[in-house]
Amino acid sequence: MPDARAVVRERAAARGLSFAALSRLIGRNDAFVQQWLERGSPRKLDEDDRLRMAMVLDVDEVSLGTRMPWRPAISARDSWARSGA
């Protein structure tokens, strides 16, 4: 998994966005992104901030630190039962 902070730095620079501008675009105060990048506060982006930032930067949320959703495994017996056999 890529480092979320590195992804944000790279994508913000590529789009010509300052950290303050990015913060405002996600609905936070001007210092939010800079503090997250430089001070590590907050340690993890909250779900809504991560989604908005992914949309602004046009990246997959997973690259910003979300985990892949859990899905139950389908066993052979379950797939047989679902097929109606």
C-alpha atoms as a PDB file:
ATOM      1  CA  MET A   1       0.000   0.000   0.000  1.00  0.00           C
ATOM      2  CA  PRO A   2       1.401   3.409  -0.920  1.00  0.00           C
ATOM      3  CA  ASP A   3       2.204   5.973   1.755  1.00  0.00           C
ATOM      4  CA  ALA A   4      -0.900   8.179   1.957  1.00  0.00           C
ATOM      5  CA  ARG A   5       1.070  11.292   2.833  1.00  0.00           C
ATOM      6  CA  ALA A   6       3.400  10.833  -0.143  1.00  0.00           C
ATOM      7  CA  VAL A   7       0.383  10.370  -2.431  1.00  0.00           C
ATOM      8  CA  VAL A   8      -1.180  13.604  -1.172  1.00  0.00           C
ATOM      9  CA  ARG A   9       2.053  15.557  -1.589  1.00  0.00           C
ATOM     10  CA  GLU A  10       2.559  14.254  -5.126  1.00  0.00           C
ATOM     11  CA  ARG A  11      -1.027  14.703  -6.305  1.00  0.00           C
ATOM     12  CA  ALA A  12      -1.451  18.150  -4.733  1.00  0.00           C
ATOM     13  CA  ALA A  13       1.776  19.325  -6.413  1.00  0.00           C
ATOM     14  CA  ALA A  14       0.707  17.820  -9.750  1.00  0.00           C
ATOM     15  CA  ARG A  15      -2.571  19.727  -9.541  1.00  0.00           C
ATOM     16  CA  GLY A  16      -0.922  22.946  -8.385  1.00  0.00           C
ATOM     17  CA  LEU A  17      -2.773  22.884  -5.066  1.00  0.00           C
ATOM     18  CA  SER A  18      -1.293  24.320  -1.909  1.00  0.00           C
ATOM     19  CA  PHE A  19      -1.977  22.433   1.297  1.00  0.00           C
ATOM     20  CA  ALA A  20      -4.170  25.336   2.445  1.00  0.00           C
ATOM     21  CA  ALA A  21      -6.212  25.194  -0.773  1.00  0.00           C
ATOM     22  CA  LEU A  22      -6.600  21.427  -0.454  1.00  0.00           C
ATOM     23  CA  SER A  23      -7.713  21.861   3.151  1.00  0.00           C
ATOM     24  CA  ARG A  24     -10.390  24.351   2.099  1.00  0.00           C
ATOM     25  CA  LEU A  25     -11.563  22.095  -0.739  1.00  0.00           C
ATOM     26  CA  ILE A  26     -12.274  19.306   1.743  1.00  0.00           C
ATOM     27  CA  GLY A  27     -14.029  21.672   4.122  1.00  0.00           C
ATOM     28  CA  ARG A  28     -11.301  22.042   6.730  1.00  0.00           C
ATOM     29  CA  ASN A  29      -9.300  24.974   8.092  1.00  0.00           C
ATOM     30  CA  ASP A  30      -6.263  26.141   6.106  1.00  0.00           C
ATOM     31  CA  ALA A  31      -3.761  24.288   8.323  1.00  0.00           C
ATOM     32  CA  PHE A  32      -5.465  20.876   8.358  1.00  0.00           C
ATOM     33  CA  VAL A  33      -3.566  19.146   5.526  1.00  0.00           C
ATOM     34  CA  GLN A  34      -0.224  20.668   6.517  1.00  0.00           C
ATOM     35  CA  GLN A  35      -0.672  19.478  10.113  1.00  0.00           C
ATOM     36  CA  TRP A  36      -1.639  15.996   8.959  1.00  0.00           C
ATOM     37  CA  LEU A  37       1.382  15.842   6.647  1.00  0.00           C
ATOM     38  CA  GLU A  38       4.016  17.451   8.859  1.00  0.00           C
ATOM     39  CA  ARG A  39       2.903  16.757  12.435  1.00  0.00           C
ATOM     40  CA  GLY A  40       0.967  13.564  11.894  1.00  0.00           C
ATOM     41  CA  SER A  41      -2.142  15.036  13.487  1.00  0.00           C
ATOM     42  CA  PRO A  42      -4.589  13.470  13.078  1.00  0.00           C
ATOM     43  CA  ARG A  43      -2.816  10.133  12.787  1.00  0.00           C
ATOM     44  CA  LYS A  44      -5.415   8.848  10.318  1.00  0.00           C
ATOM     45  CA  LEU A  45      -7.788  10.776   8.115  1.00  0.00           C
ATOM     46  CA  ASP A  46     -11.397  10.395   9.087  1.00  0.00           C
ATOM     47  CA  GLU A  47     -13.630   8.645   6.573  1.00  0.00           C
ATOM     48  CA  ASP A  48     -15.299  11.792   5.217  1.00  0.00           C
ATOM     49  CA  ASP A  49     -12.026  13.718   4.920  1.00  0.00           C
ATOM     50  CA  ARG A  50     -10.416  10.788   3.128  1.00  0.00           C
ATOM     51  CA  LEU A  51     -13.297  10.493   0.656  1.00  0.00           C
ATOM     52  CA  ARG A  52     -13.336  14.219  -0.134  1.00  0.00           C
ATOM     53  CA  MET A  53      -9.544  14.309  -0.491  1.00  0.00           C
ATOM     54  CA  ALA A  54      -9.591  11.279  -2.805  1.00  0.00           C
ATOM     55  CA  MET A  55     -12.202  12.988  -4.959  1.00  0.00           C
ATOM     56  CA  VAL A  56     -10.310  16.307  -5.116  1.00  0.00           C
ATOM     57  CA  LEU A  57      -7.015  14.561  -5.906  1.00  0.00           C
ATOM     58  CA  ASP A  58      -8.651  11.985  -8.212  1.00  0.00           C
ATOM     59  CA  VAL A  59      -7.121   8.975  -6.468  1.00  0.00           C
ATOM     60  CA  ASP A  60      -8.491   5.744  -5.060  1.00  0.00           C
ATOM     61  CA  GLU A  61      -9.370   5.983  -1.361  1.00  0.00           C
ATOM     62  CA  VAL A  62      -7.178   2.945  -0.683  1.00  0.00           C
ATOM     63  CA  SER A  63      -4.127   5.026  -1.616  1.00  0.00           C
ATOM     64  CA  LEU A  64      -5.076   7.433   1.190  1.00  0.00           C
ATOM     65  CA  GLY A  65      -5.154   4.817   3.904  1.00  0.00           C
ATOM     66  CA  THR A  66      -8.507   3.102   3.875  1.00  0.00           C
ATOM     67  CA  ARG A  67      -8.471  -0.637   4.097  1.00  0.00           C
ATOM     68  CA  MET A  68     -10.104  -2.959   1.626  1.00  0.00           C
ATOM     69  CA  PRO A  69     -13.609  -3.887   2.785  1.00  0.00           C
ATOM     70  CA  TRP A  70     -14.085  -7.264   4.401  1.00  0.00           C
ATOM     71  CA  ARG A  71     -16.118  -9.728   2.411  1.00  0.00           C
ATOM     72  CA  PRO A  72     -17.105 -13.207   3.502  1.00  0.00           C
ATOM     73  CA  ALA A  73     -15.657 -16.058   1.518  1.00  0.00           C
ATOM     74  CA  ILE A  74     -18.179 -18.115  -0.401  1.00  0.00           C
ATOM     75  CA  SER A  75     -17.634 -21.767   0.297  1.00  0.00           C
ATOM     76  CA  ALA A  76     -18.368 -24.483  -2.230  1.00  0.00           C
ATOM     77  CA  ARG A  77     -21.343 -25.589  -0.090  1.00  0.00           C
ATOM     78  CA  ASP A  78     -22.776 -22.062  -0.044  1.00  0.00           C
ATOM     79  CA  SER A  79     -22.431 -21.662  -3.799  1.00  0.00           C
ATOM     80  CA  TRP A  80     -24.086 -25.085  -4.295  1.00  0.00           C
ATOM     81  CA  ALA A  81     -26.999 -24.059  -2.028  1.00  0.00           C
ATOM     82  CA  ARG A  82     -27.431 -20.784  -3.923  1.00  0.00           C
ATOM     83  CA  SER A  83     -27.499 -22.532  -7.293  1.00  0.00           C
ATOM     84  CA  GLY A  84     -30.625 -24.451  -6.283  1.00  0.00           C
ATOM     85  CA  ALA A  85     -29.065 -27.810  -7.021  1.00  0.00           C
END
